[in-house]
PDB file of all heavy atoms in Angstrom:
ATOM      1  N   ARG A   1      51.833  40.253 -41.693  1.00  0.00           N
ATOM      2  CA  ARG A   1      53.075  39.764 -42.275  1.00  0.00           C
ATOM      3  C   ARG A   1      53.991  39.221 -41.189  1.00  0.00           C
ATOM      4  O   ARG A   1      54.078  39.766 -40.095  1.00  0.00           O
ATOM      5  CB  ARG A   1      53.752  40.917 -43.025  1.00  0.00           C
ATOM      6  CG  ARG A   1      55.042  40.575 -43.730  1.00  0.00           C
ATOM      7  CD  ARG A   1      55.432  41.719 -44.675  1.00  0.00           C
ATOM      8  NE  ARG A   1      55.372  43.013 -44.026  1.00  0.00           N
ATOM      9  CZ  ARG A   1      56.388  43.572 -43.376  1.00  0.00           C
ATOM     10  NH1 ARG A   1      57.544  42.935 -43.270  1.00  0.00           N
ATOM     11  NH2 ARG A   1      56.248  44.759 -42.823  1.00  0.00           N
ATOM     12  N   MET A   2      54.675  38.140 -41.484  1.00  0.00           N
ATOM     13  CA  MET A   2      55.602  37.527 -40.539  1.00  0.00           C
ATOM     14  C   MET A   2      56.863  38.391 -40.395  1.00  0.00           C
ATOM     15  O   MET A   2      57.335  38.989 -41.366  1.00  0.00           O
ATOM     16  CB  MET A   2      55.979  36.122 -41.051  1.00  0.00           C
ATOM     17  CG  MET A   2      56.754  35.283 -40.066  1.00  0.00           C
ATOM     18  SD  MET A   2      57.146  33.669 -40.791  1.00  0.00           S
ATOM     19  CE  MET A   2      55.495  33.009 -41.017  1.00  0.00           C
ATOM     20  N   LYS A   3      57.381  38.451 -39.194  1.00  0.00           N
ATOM     21  CA  LYS A   3      58.590  39.225 -38.939  1.00  0.00           C
ATOM     22  C   LYS A   3      59.749  38.688 -39.774  1.00  0.00           C
ATOM     23  O   LYS A   3      59.995  37.492 -39.829  1.00  0.00           O
ATOM     24  CB  LYS A   3      58.941  39.160 -37.445  1.00  0.00           C
ATOM     25  CG  LYS A   3      60.096  40.057 -37.048  1.00  0.00           C
ATOM     26  CD  LYS A   3      60.355  39.992 -35.551  1.00  0.00           C
ATOM     27  CE  LYS A   3      61.514  40.902 -35.150  1.00  0.00           C
ATOM     28  NZ  LYS A   3      61.785  40.831 -33.697  1.00  0.00           N
ATOM     29  N   GLY A   4      60.445  39.607 -40.442  1.00  0.00           N
ATOM     30  CA  GLY A   4      61.586  39.207 -41.250  1.00  0.00           C
ATOM     31  C   GLY A   4      61.264  39.043 -42.719  1.00  0.00           C
ATOM     32  O   GLY A   4      62.159  38.955 -43.554  1.00  0.00           O
ATOM     33  N   ILE A   5      59.959  39.009 -43.060  1.00  0.00           N
ATOM     34  CA  ILE A   5      59.550  38.877 -44.459  1.00  0.00           C
ATOM     35  C   ILE A   5      59.196  40.264 -44.984  1.00  0.00           C
ATOM     36  O   ILE A   5      58.295  40.927 -44.470  1.00  0.00           O
ATOM     37  CB  ILE A   5      58.328  37.944 -44.610  1.00  0.00           C
ATOM     38  CG1 ILE A   5      58.620  36.564 -44.018  1.00  0.00           C
ATOM     39  CG2 ILE A   5      57.916  37.841 -46.072  1.00  0.00           C
ATOM     40  CD1 ILE A   5      59.666  35.773 -44.749  1.00  0.00           C
ATOM     41  N   GLU A   6      59.897  40.690 -46.018  1.00  0.00           N
ATOM     42  CA  GLU A   6      59.626  42.026 -46.569  1.00  0.00           C
ATOM     43  C   GLU A   6      58.364  42.021 -47.421  1.00  0.00           C
ATOM     44  O   GLU A   6      57.505  42.894 -47.286  1.00  0.00           O
ATOM     45  CB  GLU A   6      60.810  42.495 -47.416  1.00  0.00           C
ATOM     46  CG  GLU A   6      60.649  43.926 -47.897  1.00  0.00           C
ATOM     47  CD  GLU A   6      61.886  44.446 -48.599  1.00  0.00           C
ATOM     48  OE1 GLU A   6      62.998  43.981 -48.272  1.00  0.00           O
ATOM     49  OE2 GLU A   6      61.745  45.315 -49.475  1.00  0.00           O
ATOM     50  N   ARG A   7      58.249  41.034 -48.321  1.00  0.00           N
ATOM     51  CA  ARG A   7      57.073  40.919 -49.185  1.00  0.00           C
ATOM     52  C   ARG A   7      56.694  39.445 -49.337  1.00  0.00           C
ATOM     53  O   ARG A   7      57.482  38.658 -49.876  1.00  0.00           O
ATOM     54  CB  ARG A   7      57.345  41.501 -50.574  1.00  0.00           C
ATOM     55  CG  ARG A   7      57.446  43.010 -50.624  1.00  0.00           C
ATOM     56  CD  ARG A   7      57.491  43.473 -52.071  1.00  0.00           C
ATOM     57  NE  ARG A   7      57.576  44.912 -52.200  1.00  0.00           N
ATOM     58  CZ  ARG A   7      57.569  45.560 -53.353  1.00  0.00           C
ATOM     59  NH1 ARG A   7      57.479  44.871 -54.486  1.00  0.00           N
ATOM     60  NH2 ARG A   7      57.650  46.873 -53.401  1.00  0.00           N
ATOM     61  N   PRO A   8      55.521  39.057 -48.871  1.00  0.00           N
ATOM     62  CA  PRO A   8      55.074  37.670 -49.071  1.00  0.00           C
ATOM     63  C   PRO A   8      54.989  37.343 -50.568  1.00  0.00           C
ATOM     64  O   PRO A   8      54.787  38.231 -51.399  1.00  0.00           O
ATOM     65  CB  PRO A   8      53.682  37.650 -48.433  1.00  0.00           C
ATOM     66  CG  PRO A   8      53.702  38.775 -47.448  1.00  0.00           C
ATOM     67  CD  PRO A   8      54.552  39.833 -48.077  1.00  0.00           C
ATOM     68  N   GLY A   9      55.174  36.072 -50.889  1.00  0.00           N
ATOM     69  CA  GLY A   9      55.117  35.641 -52.288  1.00  0.00           C
ATOM     70  C   GLY A   9      54.164  34.469 -52.474  1.00  0.00           C
ATOM     71  O   GLY A   9      53.958  33.666 -51.563  1.00  0.00           O
ATOM     72  N   LEU A  10      53.575  34.383 -53.657  1.00  0.00           N
ATOM     73  CA  LEU A  10      52.677  33.277 -53.992  1.00  0.00           C
ATOM     74  C   LEU A  10      53.478  32.106 -54.548  1.00  0.00           C
ATOM     75  O   LEU A  10      54.238  32.273 -55.505  1.00  0.00           O
ATOM     76  CB  LEU A  10      51.654  33.727 -55.033  1.00  0.00           C
ATOM     77  CG  LEU A  10      50.377  34.408 -54.555  1.00  0.00           C
ATOM     78  CD1 LEU A  10      49.594  34.926 -55.758  1.00  0.00           C
ATOM     79  CD2 LEU A  10      49.515  33.459 -53.742  1.00  0.00           C
ATOM     80  N   ILE A  11      53.303  30.947 -53.952  1.00  0.00           N
ATOM     81  CA  ILE A  11      53.964  29.747 -54.449  1.00  0.00           C
ATOM     82  C   ILE A  11      52.909  28.797 -54.991  1.00  0.00           C
ATOM     83  O   ILE A  11      51.867  28.583 -54.370  1.00  0.00           O
ATOM     84  CB  ILE A  11      54.818  29.066 -53.355  1.00  0.00           C
ATOM     85  CG1 ILE A  11      55.683  27.964 -53.964  1.00  0.00           C
ATOM     86  CG2 ILE A  11      53.981  28.539 -52.206  1.00  0.00           C
ATOM     87  CD1 ILE A  11      56.810  27.506 -53.045  1.00  0.00           C
ATOM     88  N   VAL A  12      53.150  28.270 -56.174  1.00  0.00           N
ATOM     89  CA  VAL A  12      52.194  27.385 -56.831  1.00  0.00           C
ATOM     90  C   VAL A  12      52.915  26.128 -57.301  1.00  0.00           C
ATOM     91  O   VAL A  12      54.087  26.183 -57.673  1.00  0.00           O
ATOM     92  CB  VAL A  12      51.518  28.107 -58.027  1.00  0.00           C
ATOM     93  CG1 VAL A  12      52.527  28.527 -59.079  1.00  0.00           C
ATOM     94  CG2 VAL A  12      50.437  27.237 -58.644  1.00  0.00           C
ATOM     95  N   THR A  13      52.235  24.996 -57.257  1.00  0.00           N
ATOM     96  CA  THR A  13      52.791  23.733 -57.731  1.00  0.00           C
ATOM     97  C   THR A  13      52.254  23.437 -59.120  1.00  0.00           C
ATOM     98  O   THR A  13      51.059  23.579 -59.382  1.00  0.00           O
ATOM     99  CB  THR A  13      52.427  22.579 -56.783  1.00  0.00           C
ATOM    100  OG1 THR A  13      52.943  22.872 -55.480  1.00  0.00           O
ATOM    101  CG2 THR A  13      53.032  21.266 -57.258  1.00  0.00           C
ATOM    102  N   LEU A  14      53.159  23.023 -60.014  1.00  0.00           N
ATOM    103  CA  LEU A  14      52.800  22.741 -61.404  1.00  0.00           C
ATOM    104  C   LEU A  14      53.362  21.377 -61.816  1.00  0.00           C
ATOM    105  O   LEU A  14      54.313  20.871 -61.209  1.00  0.00           O
ATOM    106  CB  LEU A  14      53.354  23.838 -62.322  1.00  0.00           C
ATOM    107  CG  LEU A  14      52.705  25.218 -62.141  1.00  0.00           C
ATOM    108  CD1 LEU A  14      53.549  26.292 -62.809  1.00  0.00           C
ATOM    109  CD2 LEU A  14      51.297  25.219 -62.704  1.00  0.00           C
ATOM    110  N   PRO A  15      52.790  20.768 -62.865  1.00  0.00           N
ATOM    111  CA  PRO A  15      53.220  19.423 -63.253  1.00  0.00           C
ATOM    112  C   PRO A  15      54.527  19.402 -64.032  1.00  0.00           C
ATOM    113  O   PRO A  15      54.940  20.413 -64.616  1.00  0.00           O
ATOM    114  CB  PRO A  15      52.070  18.940 -64.139  1.00  0.00           C
ATOM    115  CG  PRO A  15      51.520  20.200 -64.740  1.00  0.00           C
ATOM    116  CD  PRO A  15      51.640  21.243 -63.657  1.00  0.00           C
ATOM    117  N   VAL A  16      55.183  18.242 -64.026  1.00  0.00           N
ATOM    118  CA  VAL A  16      56.303  17.977 -64.928  1.00  0.00           C
ATOM    119  C   VAL A  16      56.018  16.668 -65.656  1.00  0.00           C
ATOM    120  O   VAL A  16      55.199  15.853 -65.211  1.00  0.00           O
ATOM    121  CB  VAL A  16      57.656  17.883 -64.183  1.00  0.00           C
ATOM    122  CG1 VAL A  16      57.993  19.195 -63.521  1.00  0.00           C
ATOM    123  CG2 VAL A  16      57.658  16.746 -63.174  1.00  0.00           C
ATOM    124  N   ILE A  17      56.690  16.460 -66.765  1.00  0.00           N
ATOM    125  CA  ILE A  17      56.435  15.292 -67.598  1.00  0.00           C
ATOM    126  C   ILE A  17      56.921  14.008 -66.935  1.00  0.00           C
ATOM    127  O   ILE A  17      56.276  12.965 -67.006  1.00  0.00           O
ATOM    128  CB  ILE A  17      57.119  15.475 -68.971  1.00  0.00           C
ATOM    129  CG1 ILE A  17      56.506  16.668 -69.704  1.00  0.00           C
ATOM    130  CG2 ILE A  17      57.012  14.206 -69.816  1.00  0.00           C
ATOM    131  CD1 ILE A  17      57.256  17.086 -70.943  1.00  0.00           C
ATOM    132  N   GLN A  18      58.059  14.075 -66.229  1.00  0.00           N
ATOM    133  CA  GLN A  18      58.741  12.869 -65.776  1.00  0.00           C
ATOM    134  C   GLN A  18      58.127  12.198 -64.552  1.00  0.00           C
ATOM    135  O   GLN A  18      58.336  11.003 -64.336  1.00  0.00           O
ATOM    136  CB  GLN A  18      60.216  13.180 -65.486  1.00  0.00           C
ATOM    137  CG  GLN A  18      61.051  13.468 -66.720  1.00  0.00           C
ATOM    138  CD  GLN A  18      60.899  14.903 -67.210  1.00  0.00           C
ATOM    139  OE1 GLN A  18      60.112  15.679 -66.678  1.00  0.00           O
ATOM    140  NE2 GLN A  18      61.644  15.251 -68.248  1.00  0.00           N
ATOM    141  N   ASN A  19      57.414  12.949 -63.702  1.00  0.00           N
ATOM    142  CA  ASN A  19      56.891  12.351 -62.476  1.00  0.00           C
ATOM    143  C   ASN A  19      55.597  13.050 -62.058  1.00  0.00           C
ATOM    144  O   ASN A  19      55.140  13.975 -62.718  1.00  0.00           O
ATOM    145  CB  ASN A  19      57.929  12.428 -61.344  1.00  0.00           C
ATOM    146  CG  ASN A  19      58.358  13.857 -61.039  1.00  0.00           C
ATOM    147  OD1 ASN A  19      57.538  14.727 -60.748  1.00  0.00           O
ATOM    148  ND2 ASN A  19      59.662  14.112 -61.109  1.00  0.00           N
ATOM    149  N   ASP A  20      55.012  12.582 -60.976  1.00  0.00           N
ATOM    150  CA  ASP A  20      53.749  13.150 -60.491  1.00  0.00           C
ATOM    151  C   ASP A  20      53.963  14.196 -59.403  1.00  0.00           C
ATOM    152  O   ASP A  20      52.997  14.741 -58.874  1.00  0.00           O
ATOM    153  CB  ASP A  20      52.844  12.035 -59.949  1.00  0.00           C
ATOM    154  CG  ASP A  20      52.341  11.133 -61.064  1.00  0.00           C
ATOM    155  OD1 ASP A  20      52.145  11.633 -62.189  1.00  0.00           O
ATOM    156  OD2 ASP A  20      52.157   9.928 -60.812  1.00  0.00           O
ATOM    157  N   GLN A  21      55.214  14.457 -59.043  1.00  0.00           N
ATOM    158  CA  GLN A  21      55.482  15.388 -57.950  1.00  0.00           C
ATOM    159  C   GLN A  21      55.407  16.838 -58.394  1.00  0.00           C
ATOM    160  O   GLN A  21      54.972  17.705 -57.649  1.00  0.00           O
ATOM    161  CB  GLN A  21      56.848  15.096 -57.332  1.00  0.00           C
ATOM    162  CG  GLN A  21      57.077  15.836 -56.025  1.00  0.00           C
ATOM    163  CD  GLN A  21      58.319  15.351 -55.309  1.00  0.00           C
ATOM    164  OE1 GLN A  21      59.295  14.959 -55.942  1.00  0.00           O
ATOM    165  NE2 GLN A  21      58.300  15.378 -53.991  1.00  0.00           N
ATOM    166  N   GLY A  22      55.825  17.111 -59.632  1.00  0.00           N
ATOM    167  CA  GLY A  22      55.782  18.469 -60.132  1.00  0.00           C
ATOM    168  C   GLY A  22      56.882  19.353 -59.556  1.00  0.00           C
ATOM    169  O   GLY A  22      57.825  18.880 -58.930  1.00  0.00           O
ATOM    170  N   PHE A  23      56.748  20.657 -59.784  1.00  0.00           N
ATOM    171  CA  PHE A  23      57.704  21.625 -59.246  1.00  0.00           C
ATOM    172  C   PHE A  23      56.922  22.815 -58.708  1.00  0.00           C
ATOM    173  O   PHE A  23      55.728  22.968 -58.987  1.00  0.00           O
ATOM    174  CB  PHE A  23      58.696  22.081 -60.317  1.00  0.00           C
ATOM    175  CG  PHE A  23      58.100  23.016 -61.344  1.00  0.00           C
ATOM    176  CD1 PHE A  23      58.262  24.396 -61.252  1.00  0.00           C
ATOM    177  CD2 PHE A  23      57.368  22.516 -62.412  1.00  0.00           C
ATOM    178  CE1 PHE A  23      57.702  25.250 -62.193  1.00  0.00           C
ATOM    179  CE2 PHE A  23      56.805  23.367 -63.360  1.00  0.00           C
ATOM    180  CZ  PHE A  23      56.977  24.736 -63.255  1.00  0.00           C
ATOM    181  N   THR A  24      57.572  23.652 -57.925  1.00  0.00           N
ATOM    182  CA  THR A  24      56.924  24.852 -57.407  1.00  0.00           C
ATOM    183  C   THR A  24      57.550  26.098 -58.015  1.00  0.00           C
ATOM    184  O   THR A  24      58.722  26.089 -58.406  1.00  0.00           O
ATOM    185  CB  THR A  24      57.024  24.944 -55.873  1.00  0.00           C
ATOM    186  OG1 THR A  24      58.404  24.877 -55.483  1.00  0.00           O
ATOM    187  CG2 THR A  24      56.257  23.823 -55.214  1.00  0.00           C
ATOM    188  N   MET A  25      56.733  27.150 -58.090  1.00  0.00           N
ATOM    189  CA  MET A  25      57.214  28.426 -58.598  1.00  0.00           C
ATOM    190  C   MET A  25      56.800  29.533 -57.642  1.00  0.00           C
ATOM    191  O   MET A  25      55.669  29.563 -57.172  1.00  0.00           O
ATOM    192  CB  MET A  25      56.632  28.710 -59.983  1.00  0.00           C
ATOM    193  CG  MET A  25      57.084  30.046 -60.571  1.00  0.00           C
ATOM    194  SD  MET A  25      56.727  30.167 -62.337  1.00  0.00           S
ATOM    195  CE  MET A  25      54.936  30.091 -62.329  1.00  0.00           C
ATOM    196  N   ILE A  26      57.728  30.422 -57.330  1.00  0.00           N
ATOM    197  CA  ILE A  26      57.497  31.560 -56.456  1.00  0.00           C
ATOM    198  C   ILE A  26      58.336  32.728 -56.974  1.00  0.00           C
ATOM    199  O   ILE A  26      59.504  32.539 -57.267  1.00  0.00           O
ATOM    200  CB  ILE A  26      57.841  31.223 -54.986  1.00  0.00           C
ATOM    201  CG1 ILE A  26      57.521  32.394 -54.070  1.00  0.00           C
ATOM    202  CG2 ILE A  26      59.278  30.756 -54.818  1.00  0.00           C
ATOM    203  CD1 ILE A  26      57.654  32.053 -52.569  1.00  0.00           C
ATOM    204  N   ASP A  27      57.799  33.877 -57.223  1.00  0.00           N
ATOM    205  CA  ASP A  27      56.482  34.381 -56.942  1.00  0.00           C
ATOM    206  C   ASP A  27      55.610  34.210 -58.175  1.00  0.00           C
ATOM    207  O   ASP A  27      56.033  34.527 -59.280  1.00  0.00           O
ATOM    208  CB  ASP A  27      56.615  35.843 -56.530  1.00  0.00           C
ATOM    209  CG  ASP A  27      55.317  36.564 -56.278  1.00  0.00           C
ATOM    210  OD1 ASP A  27      54.335  35.924 -55.896  1.00  0.00           O
ATOM    211  OD2 ASP A  27      55.298  37.795 -56.474  1.00  0.00           O
ATOM    212  N   ALA A  28      54.367  33.770 -57.961  1.00  0.00           N
ATOM    213  CA  ALA A  28      53.451  33.524 -59.072  1.00  0.00           C
ATOM    214  C   ALA A  28      52.517  34.692 -59.327  1.00  0.00           C
ATOM    215  O   ALA A  28      51.540  34.550 -60.061  1.00  0.00           O
ATOM    216  CB  ALA A  28      52.641  32.262 -58.792  1.00  0.00           C
ATOM    217  N   GLY A  29      52.798  35.851 -58.722  1.00  0.00           N
ATOM    218  CA  GLY A  29      51.983  37.014 -59.036  1.00  0.00           C
ATOM    219  C   GLY A  29      51.685  37.979 -57.904  1.00  0.00           C
ATOM    220  O   GLY A  29      50.919  38.928 -58.089  1.00  0.00           O
ATOM    221  N   ALA A  30      52.278  37.792 -56.747  1.00  0.00           N
ATOM    222  CA  ALA A  30      51.984  38.690 -55.624  1.00  0.00           C
ATOM    223  C   ALA A  30      52.652  40.041 -55.782  1.00  0.00           C
ATOM    224  O   ALA A  30      52.070  41.075 -55.441  1.00  0.00           O
ATOM    225  CB  ALA A  30      52.411  38.047 -54.307  1.00  0.00           C
ATOM    226  N   ASN A  31      53.894  40.071 -56.318  1.00  0.00           N
ATOM    227  CA  ASN A  31      54.657  41.319 -56.399  1.00  0.00           C
ATOM    228  C   ASN A  31      55.299  41.457 -57.774  1.00  0.00           C
ATOM    229  O   ASN A  31      56.329  40.841 -58.053  1.00  0.00           O
ATOM    230  CB  ASN A  31      55.742  41.359 -55.315  1.00  0.00           C
ATOM    231  CG  ASN A  31      55.158  41.337 -53.917  1.00  0.00           C
ATOM    232  OD1 ASN A  31      54.542  42.296 -53.476  1.00  0.00           O
ATOM    233  ND2 ASN A  31      55.328  40.222 -53.231  1.00  0.00           N
ATOM    234  N   ALA A  32      54.707  42.275 -58.612  1.00  0.00           N
ATOM    235  CA  ALA A  32      55.221  42.457 -59.968  1.00  0.00           C
ATOM    236  C   ALA A  32      56.550  43.217 -59.968  1.00  0.00           C
ATOM    237  O   ALA A  32      57.401  42.984 -60.824  1.00  0.00           O
ATOM    238  CB  ALA A  32      54.195  43.197 -60.819  1.00  0.00           C
ATOM    239  N   ASP A  33      56.735  44.109 -59.008  1.00  0.00           N
ATOM    240  CA  ASP A  33      57.939  44.946 -58.974  1.00  0.00           C
ATOM    241  C   ASP A  33      58.903  44.488 -57.881  1.00  0.00           C
ATOM    242  O   ASP A  33      59.372  45.285 -57.070  1.00  0.00           O
ATOM    243  CB  ASP A  33      57.554  46.416 -58.741  1.00  0.00           C
ATOM    244  CG  ASP A  33      56.669  46.954 -59.851  1.00  0.00           C
ATOM    245  OD1 ASP A  33      56.994  46.701 -61.016  1.00  0.00           O
ATOM    246  OD2 ASP A  33      55.658  47.603 -59.548  1.00  0.00           O
ATOM    247  N   ALA A  34      59.209  43.212 -57.870  1.00  0.00           N
ATOM    248  CA  ALA A  34      60.071  42.669 -56.827  1.00  0.00           C
ATOM    249  C   ALA A  34      61.514  43.151 -56.974  1.00  0.00           C
ATOM    250  O   ALA A  34      62.032  43.308 -58.084  1.00  0.00           O
ATOM    251  CB  ALA A  34      60.031  41.142 -56.871  1.00  0.00           C
ATOM    252  N   LYS A  35      62.150  43.380 -55.842  1.00  0.00           N
ATOM    253  CA  LYS A  35      63.566  43.740 -55.805  1.00  0.00           C
ATOM    254  C   LYS A  35      64.403  42.477 -55.680  1.00  0.00           C
ATOM    255  O   LYS A  35      63.891  41.388 -55.437  1.00  0.00           O
ATOM    256  CB  LYS A  35      63.824  44.665 -54.620  1.00  0.00           C
ATOM    257  CG  LYS A  35      63.015  45.951 -54.634  1.00  0.00           C
ATOM    258  CD  LYS A  35      63.263  46.754 -53.359  1.00  0.00           C
ATOM    259  CE  LYS A  35      62.406  48.008 -53.324  1.00  0.00           C
ATOM    260  NZ  LYS A  35      62.573  48.760 -52.049  1.00  0.00           N
ATOM    261  N   VAL A  36      65.694  42.640 -55.813  1.00  0.00           N
ATOM    262  CA  VAL A  36      66.608  41.495 -55.717  1.00  0.00           C
ATOM    263  C   VAL A  36      66.461  40.800 -54.369  1.00  0.00           C
ATOM    264  O   VAL A  36      66.369  39.572 -54.287  1.00  0.00           O
ATOM    265  CB  VAL A  36      68.076  41.943 -55.928  1.00  0.00           C
ATOM    266  CG1 VAL A  36      69.030  40.785 -55.672  1.00  0.00           C
ATOM    267  CG2 VAL A  36      68.262  42.477 -57.337  1.00  0.00           C
ATOM    268  N   GLU A  37      66.404  41.587 -53.289  1.00  0.00           N
ATOM    269  CA  GLU A  37      66.303  40.990 -51.946  1.00  0.00           C
ATOM    270  C   GLU A  37      64.991  40.227 -51.755  1.00  0.00           C
ATOM    271  O   GLU A  37      64.934  39.253 -51.003  1.00  0.00           O
ATOM    272  CB  GLU A  37      66.463  42.054 -50.860  1.00  0.00           C
ATOM    273  CG  GLU A  37      65.581  43.270 -51.005  1.00  0.00           C
ATOM    274  CD  GLU A  37      66.245  44.416 -51.752  1.00  0.00           C
ATOM    275  OE1 GLU A  37      67.068  44.131 -52.659  1.00  0.00           O
ATOM    276  OE2 GLU A  37      65.964  45.587 -51.427  1.00  0.00           O
ATOM    277  N   ASN A  38      63.922  40.670 -52.460  1.00  0.00           N
ATOM    278  CA  ASN A  38      62.651  39.946 -52.385  1.00  0.00           C
ATOM    279  C   ASN A  38      62.788  38.564 -53.007  1.00  0.00           C
ATOM    280  O   ASN A  38      62.313  37.563 -52.465  1.00  0.00           O
ATOM    281  CB  ASN A  38      61.540  40.706 -53.107  1.00  0.00           C
ATOM    282  CG  ASN A  38      61.304  42.092 -52.548  1.00  0.00           C
ATOM    283  OD1 ASN A  38      61.049  43.031 -53.292  1.00  0.00           O
ATOM    284  ND2 ASN A  38      61.385  42.244 -51.238  1.00  0.00           N
ATOM    285  N   VAL A  39      63.440  38.494 -54.148  1.00  0.00           N
ATOM    286  CA  VAL A  39      63.616  37.218 -54.843  1.00  0.00           C
ATOM    287  C   VAL A  39      64.494  36.267 -54.022  1.00  0.00           C
ATOM    288  O   VAL A  39      64.267  35.060 -54.008  1.00  0.00           O
ATOM    289  CB  VAL A  39      64.195  37.454 -56.258  1.00  0.00           C
ATOM    290  CG1 VAL A  39      64.534  36.128 -56.943  1.00  0.00           C
ATOM    291  CG2 VAL A  39      63.193  38.231 -57.112  1.00  0.00           C
ATOM    292  N   ILE A  40      65.468  36.815 -53.322  1.00  0.00           N
ATOM    293  CA  ILE A  40      66.302  35.981 -52.449  1.00  0.00           C
ATOM    294  C   ILE A  40      65.438  35.372 -51.343  1.00  0.00           C
ATOM    295  O   ILE A  40      65.568  34.186 -51.017  1.00  0.00           O
ATOM    296  CB  ILE A  40      67.452  36.807 -51.829  1.00  0.00           C
ATOM    297  CG1 ILE A  40      68.317  37.432 -52.924  1.00  0.00           C
ATOM    298  CG2 ILE A  40      68.293  35.930 -50.908  1.00  0.00           C
ATOM    299  CD1 ILE A  40      68.794  36.476 -53.979  1.00  0.00           C
ATOM    300  N   GLN A  41      64.539  36.179 -50.780  1.00  0.00           N
ATOM    301  CA  GLN A  41      63.626  35.640 -49.769  1.00  0.00           C
ATOM    302  C   GLN A  41      62.702  34.594 -50.361  1.00  0.00           C
ATOM    303  O   GLN A  41      62.388  33.589 -49.711  1.00  0.00           O
ATOM    304  CB  GLN A  41      62.808  36.767 -49.130  1.00  0.00           C
ATOM    305  CG  GLN A  41      63.608  37.638 -48.179  1.00  0.00           C
ATOM    306  CD  GLN A  41      62.721  38.427 -47.226  1.00  0.00           C
ATOM    307  OE1 GLN A  41      61.529  38.633 -47.474  1.00  0.00           O
ATOM    308  NE2 GLN A  41      63.291  38.873 -46.124  1.00  0.00           N
TER     309      GLN A  41
END
């Protein structure tokens, strides 16, 4: 784990209707019981 990171998160890219760039979502399943500070990271 990298220094300063409490819990690594999975980031995934998904499509959107308007363009081909899509959007990203994090966390996509690494930590089900994430705390507030984890989500901020």
